[in-house]
């Protein structure tokens, strides 16, 4: 009789609890250590252990545990979840037998598939060129991702330029529009009433906007023109103050939305991502890489990922995503999909309901199943496509620990599937072996806070 393989799972988050159950289903004897000390690690990591999973919050903590595992049990099969790619690359360089992934890397291909269309199970870039995983009867079909040309993206990109998106930007546009209107009006009056040439009329109009008067044109100007010029100069003072206030506000604030350029809010065929955590940020970056316009909404103006989003040229609106007034600004009726990727299940459900109230035909993808309140996500499929990030990650981690690291995992209804690395090129139809998500283990791990 073969000896039962032994595995150690480190961590108390939802992914760790589900991975523990997944490994038990694969026939492993599992030791689950929620918050192990160094001495507990030495006791647990015996020569009988064949695989170790480090699934904790915080890249630094995960790095320390991974290095300790390698020190105590060299060359053991090790899977670690890390978000920072630089840290991940250094860990793999130091510990070659280590596989590094993250919930964002695992779940985002499936989330993108749900955003793209009803028959798209995932869009994966793991093998270089993006590949779509399509439902083909009972199996799946791999097809190369077709990126839209710039001509098809141009109307949506142009429509998002020079549009106010908050009070400060509206002040800037009001001031600028007022100054431009006064300039145009005075130029027209100088041409028609004073019979000046175009260039001379422009000179007179700019003097009025600069509040220094029309100059020597006053000598032969009618009284009504002098009154109009005086009123225009007074209005110019007001519009200049409003415009200056808008400019200073934009210069001093750390805004993540531009007035022109790539960080403007798209208006058509885009994806709205609510929540800029690890999953939301990676989703935005991958969507842009695929040529899909995206805008993110984050409620916390001090969120750590805002800096990374700006570097990736992702427009981010600081607001509450469940606010219908905010959602109206995002052109949901012309959007491709909305992805509610917040950390709290109930918040994502609230966002989905508010979005569907504004755009009933909108494709909605929501992250759910991580919290203690909602452990069964089947009822949520009436609202939108549900992606359980923890269940997908646990499925991928367990496959990695048993030596079957997947190229990508996907959700199909209430089940999950995996695509192995050794698959033919795009255009191939494969059989689908589906797997039901495992429940949480009962190892006494403390719930998420």
Protein backbone atom coordinates (compact mmCIF):
# COMPACT_ATOMS: atom_id res chain seq x y z
CA UNK A 1 0.00 0.00 0.00
CA UNK A 2 1.43 3.36 -1.04
CA UNK A 3 2.26 5.80 1.70
CA UNK A 4 -0.12 8.77 1.94
CA UNK A 5 1.63 11.97 0.79
CA UNK A 6 1.95 14.77 3.32
CA UNK A 7 1.56 18.54 2.69
CA UNK A 8 1.79 21.66 4.84
CA UNK A 9 -0.40 24.72 4.29
CA UNK A 10 0.67 27.98 5.95
CA UNK A 11 -1.84 30.81 6.34
CA UNK A 12 -5.30 31.59 7.69
CA UNK A 13 -6.87 33.43 4.74
CA UNK A 14 -9.70 32.02 2.64
CA UNK A 15 -7.34 30.67 -0.03
CA UNK A 16 -5.39 28.69 2.58
CA UNK A 17 -8.53 27.12 4.04
CA UNK A 18 -9.79 26.10 0.60
CA UNK A 19 -6.35 24.80 -0.47
CA UNK A 20 -6.29 22.61 2.61
CA UNK A 21 -9.59 21.01 1.53
CA UNK A 22 -8.41 20.69 -2.09
CA UNK A 23 -5.29 18.80 -1.00
CA UNK A 24 -7.33 16.47 1.19
CA UNK A 25 -9.50 15.73 -1.86
CA UNK A 26 -6.29 14.86 -3.75
CA UNK A 27 -5.43 12.29 -1.09
CA UNK A 28 -2.92 14.31 0.95
CA UNK A 29 -2.55 14.30 4.69
CA UNK A 30 -2.48 18.03 5.42
CA UNK A 31 -1.00 19.97 8.32
CA UNK A 32 -2.56 23.44 8.42
CA UNK A 33 -0.57 26.11 10.26
CA UNK A 34 -2.53 29.40 10.45
CA UNK A 35 0.17 31.51 12.21
CA UNK A 36 3.20 29.29 12.72
CA UNK A 37 6.22 30.25 14.75
CA UNK A 38 9.72 29.18 13.75
CA UNK A 39 9.62 26.30 16.23
CA UNK A 40 6.25 25.10 14.90
CA UNK A 41 7.66 25.21 11.38
CA UNK A 42 10.64 23.06 12.40
CA UNK A 43 8.31 20.48 13.93
CA UNK A 44 5.91 20.37 10.96
CA UNK A 45 8.47 20.30 8.13
CA UNK A 46 9.69 16.75 8.38
CA UNK A 47 11.19 14.63 5.62
CA UNK A 48 7.75 13.11 5.00
CA UNK A 49 6.41 16.43 3.69
CA UNK A 50 6.25 16.47 -0.09
CA UNK A 51 4.64 19.88 -0.72
CA UNK A 52 4.26 23.21 1.07
CA UNK A 53 1.94 26.13 0.31
CA UNK A 54 2.57 29.60 1.76
CA UNK A 55 -0.71 31.50 1.47
CA UNK A 56 -0.62 34.59 3.68
CA UNK A 57 -1.34 38.31 3.47
CA UNK A 58 1.67 40.52 2.80
CA UNK A 59 4.52 39.86 0.41
CA UNK A 60 7.21 40.33 3.07
CA UNK A 61 5.61 37.76 5.39
CA UNK A 62 5.20 35.31 2.51
CA UNK A 63 8.83 35.83 1.49
CA UNK A 64 10.08 35.13 5.00
CA UNK A 65 8.03 31.94 5.31
CA UNK A 66 9.19 30.75 1.88
CA UNK A 67 12.86 31.27 2.71
CA UNK A 68 12.40 29.51 6.03
CA UNK A 69 10.74 26.53 4.32
CA UNK A 70 13.63 26.29 1.86
CA UNK A 71 16.10 26.46 4.73
CA UNK A 72 14.39 23.74 6.77
CA UNK A 73 13.36 21.48 3.88
CA UNK A 74 15.45 22.21 0.76
CA UNK A 75 14.03 21.46 -2.69
CA UNK A 76 10.55 20.63 -1.42
CA UNK A 77 7.75 21.43 -3.87
CA UNK A 78 6.74 24.95 -2.81
CA UNK A 79 3.94 27.26 -3.95
CA UNK A 80 3.83 30.85 -2.66
CA UNK A 81 1.34 33.65 -3.34
CA UNK A 82 3.04 37.00 -3.97
CA UNK A 83 1.63 40.12 -5.63
CA UNK A 84 4.80 42.12 -6.29
CA UNK A 85 6.46 40.81 -9.44
CA UNK A 86 9.92 42.03 -8.47
CA UNK A 87 9.79 40.14 -5.18
CA UNK A 88 8.44 37.10 -7.01
CA UNK A 89 11.28 37.12 -9.56
CA UNK A 90 13.90 37.36 -6.82
CA UNK A 91 12.32 34.52 -4.85
CA UNK A 92 12.27 32.22 -7.88
CA UNK A 93 15.90 33.11 -8.57
CA UNK A 94 16.92 32.19 -5.02
CA UNK A 95 14.55 29.20 -4.68
CA UNK A 96 14.27 27.56 -8.14
CA UNK A 97 11.89 24.87 -6.89
CA UNK A 98 9.37 27.54 -5.88
CA UNK A 99 6.24 28.37 -7.90
CA UNK A 100 5.00 31.92 -7.37
CA UNK A 101 1.47 33.02 -8.16
CA UNK A 102 -1.19 35.32 -6.75
CA UNK A 103 -4.98 35.40 -6.59
CA UNK A 104 -4.88 38.22 -9.14
CA UNK A 105 -2.77 36.23 -11.63
CA UNK A 106 -4.98 33.17 -11.26
CA UNK A 107 -8.42 34.76 -11.36
CA UNK A 108 -8.00 37.65 -13.81
CA UNK A 109 -8.05 35.51 -17.02
CA UNK A 110 -11.42 34.07 -15.99
CA UNK A 111 -12.75 37.52 -15.01
CA UNK A 112 -11.68 38.95 -18.38
CA UNK A 113 -13.48 36.11 -20.13
CA UNK A 114 -16.67 36.94 -18.26
CA UNK A 115 -16.30 40.61 -19.25
CA UNK A 116 -15.69 39.87 -22.93
CA UNK A 117 -18.65 37.64 -23.79
CA UNK A 118 -20.97 34.85 -22.71
CA UNK A 119 -19.04 32.03 -24.41
CA UNK A 120 -15.56 33.20 -23.38
CA UNK A 121 -14.35 31.28 -20.34
CA UNK A 122 -10.97 32.97 -20.00
CA UNK A 123 -8.39 35.10 -21.81
CA UNK A 124 -4.88 34.02 -20.85
CA UNK A 125 -1.54 35.64 -21.64
CA UNK A 126 0.60 33.09 -19.79
CA UNK A 127 2.06 31.57 -22.95
CA UNK A 128 2.95 34.84 -24.66
CA UNK A 129 0.25 35.77 -27.17
CA UNK A 130 -3.19 36.18 -25.55
CA UNK A 131 -5.39 33.14 -26.01
CA UNK A 132 -9.15 32.89 -25.56
CA UNK A 133 -10.73 29.84 -23.96
CA UNK A 134 -14.17 29.35 -25.51
CA UNK A 135 -16.96 26.98 -24.58
CA UNK A 136 -17.32 24.38 -27.35
CA UNK A 137 -20.14 22.03 -26.45
CA UNK A 138 -18.98 19.95 -23.50
CA UNK A 139 -15.36 20.85 -24.20
CA UNK A 140 -13.33 23.99 -24.76
CA UNK A 141 -11.71 25.62 -27.78
CA UNK A 142 -8.52 27.67 -27.77
CA UNK A 143 -8.51 30.67 -30.08
CA UNK A 144 -6.03 33.49 -30.54
CA UNK A 145 -7.13 36.83 -29.14
CA UNK A 146 -7.94 39.36 -31.86
CA UNK A 147 -6.94 42.84 -30.79
CA UNK A 148 -9.08 45.59 -32.25
CA UNK A 149 -7.32 48.01 -34.59
CA UNK A 150 -6.72 51.60 -33.59
CA UNK A 151 -9.31 52.87 -36.07
CA UNK A 152 -12.07 50.98 -34.26
CA UNK A 153 -10.85 52.28 -30.90
CA UNK A 154 -10.48 55.87 -32.12
CA UNK A 155 -14.13 57.04 -31.74
CA UNK A 156 -14.28 55.94 -28.12
CA UNK A 157 -10.90 57.46 -27.37
CA UNK A 158 -11.82 60.82 -28.92
CA UNK A 159 -15.19 60.92 -27.17
CA UNK A 160 -13.46 60.74 -23.79
CA UNK A 161 -11.23 63.75 -24.40
CA UNK A 162 -11.83 67.18 -22.84
CA UNK A 163 -14.73 66.11 -20.61
CA UNK A 164 -15.22 67.37 -17.03
CA UNK A 165 -15.49 64.57 -14.49
CA UNK A 166 -15.61 66.41 -11.16
CA UNK A 167 -16.33 69.84 -9.65
CA UNK A 168 -12.74 71.12 -9.94
CA UNK A 169 -12.52 70.16 -13.61
CA UNK A 170 -15.89 71.77 -14.28
CA UNK A 171 -14.59 75.01 -12.73
CA UNK A 172 -11.58 74.87 -15.04
CA UNK A 173 -13.79 74.38 -18.10
CA UNK A 174 -16.25 77.07 -17.01
CA UNK A 175 -13.45 79.58 -16.60
CA UNK A 176 -11.79 78.63 -19.87
CA UNK A 177 -15.08 78.68 -21.79
CA UNK A 178 -15.98 82.07 -20.34
CA UNK A 179 -12.65 83.60 -21.34
CA UNK A 180 -12.88 82.12 -24.82
CA UNK A 181 -16.45 83.38 -25.25
CA UNK A 182 -15.49 86.93 -24.24
CA UNK A 183 -12.52 86.86 -26.61
CA UNK A 184 -14.69 85.69 -29.50
CA UNK A 185 -17.46 88.18 -28.73
CA UNK A 186 -15.11 91.19 -28.52
CA UNK A 187 -13.34 90.13 -31.70
CA UNK A 188 -16.68 89.95 -33.51
CA UNK A 189 -17.76 93.36 -32.19
CA UNK A 190 -14.45 94.94 -33.20
CA UNK A 191 -14.85 93.58 -36.74
CA UNK A 192 -18.53 94.46 -37.18
CA UNK A 193 -19.01 97.58 -35.04
CA UNK A 194 -15.57 99.19 -35.24
CA UNK A 195 -14.80 97.93 -38.75
CA UNK A 196 -11.33 96.77 -37.76
CA UNK A 197 -9.29 94.16 -39.64
CA UNK A 198 -9.16 90.64 -38.29
CA UNK A 199 -5.70 90.94 -36.76
CA UNK A 200 -6.44 94.40 -35.33
CA UNK A 201 -9.72 93.12 -33.91
CA UNK A 202 -7.91 90.22 -32.27
CA UNK A 203 -5.48 92.66 -30.65
CA UNK A 204 -8.36 94.75 -29.27
CA UNK A 205 -10.18 91.63 -27.98
CA UNK A 206 -7.09 90.34 -26.18
CA UNK A 207 -6.69 93.73 -24.46
CA UNK A 208 -10.26 93.43 -23.19
CA UNK A 209 -9.65 89.86 -21.93
CA UNK A 210 -6.45 91.06 -20.27
CA UNK A 211 -8.59 93.80 -18.57
CA UNK A 212 -6.45 96.65 -19.92
CA UNK A 213 -9.20 98.01 -22.19
CA UNK A 214 -9.61 98.20 -25.95
CA UNK A 215 -6.85 100.85 -26.17
CA UNK A 216 -7.00 103.55 -28.84
CA UNK A 217 -10.18 101.99 -30.21
CA UNK A 218 -12.00 103.88 -27.45
CA UNK A 219 -11.51 107.19 -29.31
CA UNK A 220 -13.99 106.36 -32.09
CA UNK A 221 -15.97 103.58 -30.39
CA UNK A 222 -19.68 104.17 -29.69
CA UNK A 223 -20.83 104.42 -26.10
CA UNK A 224 -22.60 101.07 -26.12
CA UNK A 225 -19.35 99.35 -27.16
CA UNK A 226 -17.49 100.94 -24.26
CA UNK A 227 -20.20 99.67 -21.89
CA UNK A 228 -19.94 96.16 -23.35
CA UNK A 229 -16.13 96.24 -23.06
CA UNK A 230 -16.35 97.35 -19.44
CA UNK A 231 -18.75 94.53 -18.58
CA UNK A 232 -16.54 92.07 -20.46
CA UNK A 233 -13.49 93.10 -18.43
CA UNK A 234 -15.40 92.65 -15.17
CA UNK A 235 -16.58 89.22 -16.27
CA UNK A 236 -13.02 88.37 -17.30
CA UNK A 237 -11.86 88.92 -13.73
CA UNK A 238 -14.45 86.40 -12.51
CA UNK A 239 -13.73 83.80 -15.20
CA UNK A 240 -9.98 84.17 -14.66
CA UNK A 241 -10.40 83.48 -10.95
CA UNK A 242 -12.53 80.42 -11.66
CA UNK A 243 -10.07 79.12 -14.27
CA UNK A 244 -7.07 79.71 -11.99
CA UNK A 245 -8.80 77.87 -9.12
CA UNK A 246 -9.39 74.86 -11.37
CA UNK A 247 -5.79 74.82 -12.61
CA UNK A 248 -4.32 75.09 -9.09
CA UNK A 249 -6.64 72.35 -7.83
CA UNK A 250 -5.47 69.99 -10.57
CA UNK A 251 -1.80 70.84 -10.05
CA UNK A 252 -1.88 70.33 -6.28
CA UNK A 253 -4.05 67.21 -6.21
CA UNK A 254 -2.94 63.69 -7.07
CA UNK A 255 -5.59 62.99 -9.68
CA UNK A 256 -5.69 59.74 -11.62
CA UNK A 257 -7.93 61.01 -14.43
CA UNK A 258 -6.70 63.25 -17.22
CA UNK A 259 -8.52 65.85 -19.28
CA UNK A 260 -6.73 64.76 -22.44
CA UNK A 261 -4.59 61.73 -23.22
CA UNK A 262 -4.82 58.06 -22.33
CA UNK A 263 -6.08 58.59 -18.77
CA UNK A 264 -9.41 60.12 -19.73
CA UNK A 265 -12.66 58.33 -18.90
CA UNK A 266 -13.75 56.18 -21.88
CA UNK A 267 -17.32 56.52 -23.11
CA UNK A 268 -18.02 53.39 -25.16
CA UNK A 269 -17.11 49.69 -25.37
CA UNK A 270 -15.16 49.91 -22.10
CA UNK A 271 -15.03 47.95 -18.86
CA UNK A 272 -15.79 49.63 -15.54
CA UNK A 273 -13.81 48.10 -12.66
CA UNK A 274 -15.06 48.86 -9.15
CA UNK A 275 -12.35 48.37 -6.52
CA UNK A 276 -8.62 48.84 -7.03
CA UNK A 277 -7.21 46.08 -4.86
CA UNK A 278 -4.74 43.53 -6.19
CA UNK A 279 -7.33 41.81 -8.37
CA UNK A 280 -8.86 45.07 -9.62
CA UNK A 281 -5.49 46.59 -10.51
CA UNK A 282 -4.26 43.50 -12.35
CA UNK A 283 -7.59 43.29 -14.18
CA UNK A 284 -7.25 46.91 -15.37
CA UNK A 285 -3.68 46.38 -16.55
CA UNK A 286 -4.50 43.20 -18.46
CA UNK A 287 -7.57 44.76 -20.09
CA UNK A 288 -5.45 47.66 -21.36
CA UNK A 289 -2.86 45.19 -22.61
CA UNK A 290 -5.61 43.48 -24.63
CA UNK A 291 -6.68 46.79 -26.17
CA UNK A 292 -9.87 47.17 -24.11
CA UNK A 293 -10.60 50.60 -22.63
CA UNK A 294 -11.03 50.59 -18.88
CA UNK A 295 -11.86 52.94 -16.01
CA UNK A 296 -11.51 52.07 -12.32
CA UNK A 297 -13.44 53.40 -9.34
CA UNK A 298 -11.79 53.41 -5.90
CA UNK A 299 -13.33 54.85 -2.74
CA UNK A 300 -10.08 55.31 -0.77
CA UNK A 301 -8.02 58.31 -1.94
CA UNK A 302 -5.02 56.85 -0.08
CA UNK A 303 -5.18 53.39 -1.66
CA UNK A 304 -1.69 51.99 -2.20
CA UNK A 305 -2.44 50.87 -5.76
CA UNK A 306 -3.32 54.36 -7.04
CA UNK A 307 0.34 55.04 -7.77
CA UNK A 308 0.64 51.82 -9.75
CA UNK A 309 -2.55 52.60 -11.65
CA UNK A 310 -1.22 56.03 -12.67
CA UNK A 311 2.02 54.44 -13.84
CA UNK A 312 0.00 51.98 -15.93
CA UNK A 313 -2.10 54.88 -17.36
CA UNK A 314 -5.31 53.53 -15.88
CA UNK A 315 -7.90 56.28 -15.23
CA UNK A 316 -9.17 56.02 -11.65
CA UNK A 317 -12.19 57.90 -10.31
CA UNK A 318 -12.11 58.44 -6.54
CA UNK A 319 -15.72 57.80 -5.54
CA UNK A 320 -18.09 55.19 -4.13
CA UNK A 321 -18.93 52.68 -6.83
CA UNK A 322 -22.39 51.91 -5.42
CA UNK A 323 -23.44 55.56 -5.85
CA UNK A 324 -25.82 55.81 -8.81
CA UNK A 325 -24.70 59.39 -9.45
CA UNK A 326 -21.14 58.13 -9.90
CA UNK A 327 -22.20 55.26 -12.15
CA UNK A 328 -24.12 57.67 -14.41
CA UNK A 329 -20.84 59.42 -15.24
CA UNK A 330 -19.31 56.19 -16.52
CA UNK A 331 -21.55 55.66 -19.59
CA UNK A 332 -22.75 52.24 -18.43
CA UNK A 333 -25.32 52.00 -21.23
CA UNK A 334 -22.42 51.93 -23.73
CA UNK A 335 -20.00 49.90 -21.61
CA UNK A 336 -18.90 46.39 -22.44
CA UNK A 337 -19.13 45.20 -18.83
CA UNK A 338 -18.87 46.18 -15.19
CA UNK A 339 -16.62 44.19 -12.86
CA UNK A 340 -17.26 44.59 -9.12
CA UNK A 341 -13.93 43.54 -7.62
CA UNK A 342 -14.13 44.91 -4.07
CA UNK A 343 -12.88 42.91 -1.11
CA UNK A 344 -16.35 42.68 0.48
CA UNK A 345 -19.01 40.47 -1.09
CA UNK A 346 -21.93 42.62 0.02
CA UNK A 347 -20.33 45.76 -1.42
CA UNK A 348 -19.95 44.03 -4.79
CA UNK A 349 -23.59 42.94 -4.73
CA UNK A 350 -24.66 46.50 -3.96
CA UNK A 351 -22.60 47.80 -6.88
CA UNK A 352 -24.07 45.19 -9.23
CA UNK A 353 -27.66 46.04 -8.28
CA UNK A 354 -27.06 49.79 -8.69
CA UNK A 355 -25.44 49.25 -12.10
CA UNK A 356 -28.25 47.02 -13.38
CA UNK A 357 -30.81 49.61 -12.25
CA UNK A 358 -29.16 52.10 -14.64
CA UNK A 359 -28.31 49.67 -17.47
CA UNK A 360 -30.43 46.48 -17.29
CA UNK A 361 -28.63 44.86 -20.26
CA UNK A 362 -25.14 45.46 -18.88
CA UNK A 363 -22.83 42.47 -18.38
CA UNK A 364 -21.97 42.34 -14.69
CA UNK A 365 -19.11 40.33 -13.21
CA UNK A 366 -18.82 40.24 -9.45
CA UNK A 367 -16.31 38.83 -7.05
CA UNK A 368 -18.10 36.84 -4.34
CA UNK A 369 -17.70 33.84 -2.10
CA UNK A 370 -14.76 35.07 0.01
CA UNK A 371 -16.68 36.34 3.04
CA UNK A 372 -18.36 34.54 5.88
CA UNK A 373 -21.79 35.94 5.00
CA UNK A 374 -21.98 34.47 1.49
CA UNK A 375 -20.45 31.05 1.17
CA UNK A 376 -22.78 29.80 -1.55
CA UNK A 377 -22.66 31.88 -4.73
CA UNK A 378 -25.15 30.04 -6.94
CA UNK A 379 -28.02 32.41 -6.13
CA UNK A 380 -25.90 35.36 -7.28
CA UNK A 381 -25.79 34.14 -10.87
CA UNK A 382 -29.17 35.84 -11.35
CA UNK A 383 -27.36 39.16 -10.83
CA UNK A 384 -24.30 38.50 -12.96
CA UNK A 385 -21.31 36.28 -13.63
CA UNK A 386 -19.76 35.28 -10.30
CA UNK A 387 -16.03 34.65 -9.89
CA UNK A 388 -14.84 33.17 -6.64
CA UNK A 389 -11.23 34.34 -6.56
CA UNK A 390 -10.29 32.26 -3.52
CA UNK A 391 -11.75 29.05 -4.97
CA UNK A 392 -9.97 29.57 -8.31
CA UNK A 393 -6.67 30.30 -6.54
CA UNK A 394 -6.97 27.29 -4.25
CA UNK A 395 -7.70 25.07 -7.27
CA UNK A 396 -4.60 26.36 -9.10
CA UNK A 397 -2.37 26.09 -6.01
CA UNK A 398 -3.48 22.52 -5.31
CA UNK A 399 -2.73 21.51 -8.90
CA UNK A 400 0.71 23.06 -8.58
CA UNK A 401 1.41 21.14 -5.38
CA UNK A 402 0.50 17.82 -6.98
CA UNK A 403 2.77 18.53 -9.96
CA UNK A 404 0.08 19.61 -12.46
CA UNK A 405 0.66 23.37 -12.64
CA UNK A 406 -2.05 24.77 -14.97
CA UNK A 407 -1.55 27.24 -17.76
CA UNK A 408 -4.82 28.88 -16.73
CA UNK A 409 -7.93 28.08 -14.74
CA UNK A 410 -11.46 29.11 -15.62
CA UNK A 411 -14.98 28.99 -14.22
CA UNK A 412 -17.82 27.35 -16.08
CA UNK A 413 -21.10 27.74 -14.27
CA UNK A 414 -20.61 26.47 -10.73
CA UNK A 415 -17.53 24.42 -11.66
CA UNK A 416 -13.90 25.07 -12.54
CA UNK A 417 -11.53 23.76 -15.15
CA UNK A 418 -7.83 23.96 -15.90
CA UNK A 419 -5.78 24.19 -19.10
CA UNK A 420 -2.46 22.32 -18.91
CA UNK A 421 0.75 23.85 -20.23
CA UNK A 422 1.29 21.11 -22.79
CA UNK A 423 -1.52 22.05 -25.16
CA UNK A 424 -1.45 22.58 -28.93
CA UNK A 425 -1.69 25.97 -30.58
CA UNK A 426 -4.81 28.10 -30.84
CA UNK A 427 -7.65 26.52 -32.81
CA UNK A 428 -7.60 23.24 -30.92
CA UNK A 429 -10.66 21.77 -29.20
CA UNK A 430 -9.98 20.00 -25.90
CA UNK A 431 -12.07 17.92 -23.55
CA UNK A 432 -13.02 19.75 -20.35
CA UNK A 433 -12.54 18.03 -16.99
CA UNK A 434 -14.54 20.13 -14.56
CA UNK A 435 -14.10 20.29 -10.81
CA UNK A 436 -16.43 21.52 -8.09
CA UNK A 437 -14.88 24.01 -5.66
CA UNK A 438 -13.99 22.58 -2.28
CA UNK A 439 -15.40 24.09 0.87
CA UNK A 440 -13.31 25.56 3.66
CA UNK A 441 -11.37 23.25 5.90
CA UNK A 442 -12.29 22.90 9.58
CA UNK A 443 -8.74 23.14 10.89
CA UNK A 444 -9.60 25.89 13.35
CA UNK A 445 -8.20 28.73 11.29
CA UNK A 446 -9.54 32.12 12.31
CA UNK A 447 -11.95 33.83 9.89
CA UNK A 448 -10.91 36.72 7.70
CA UNK A 449 -11.26 40.13 9.27
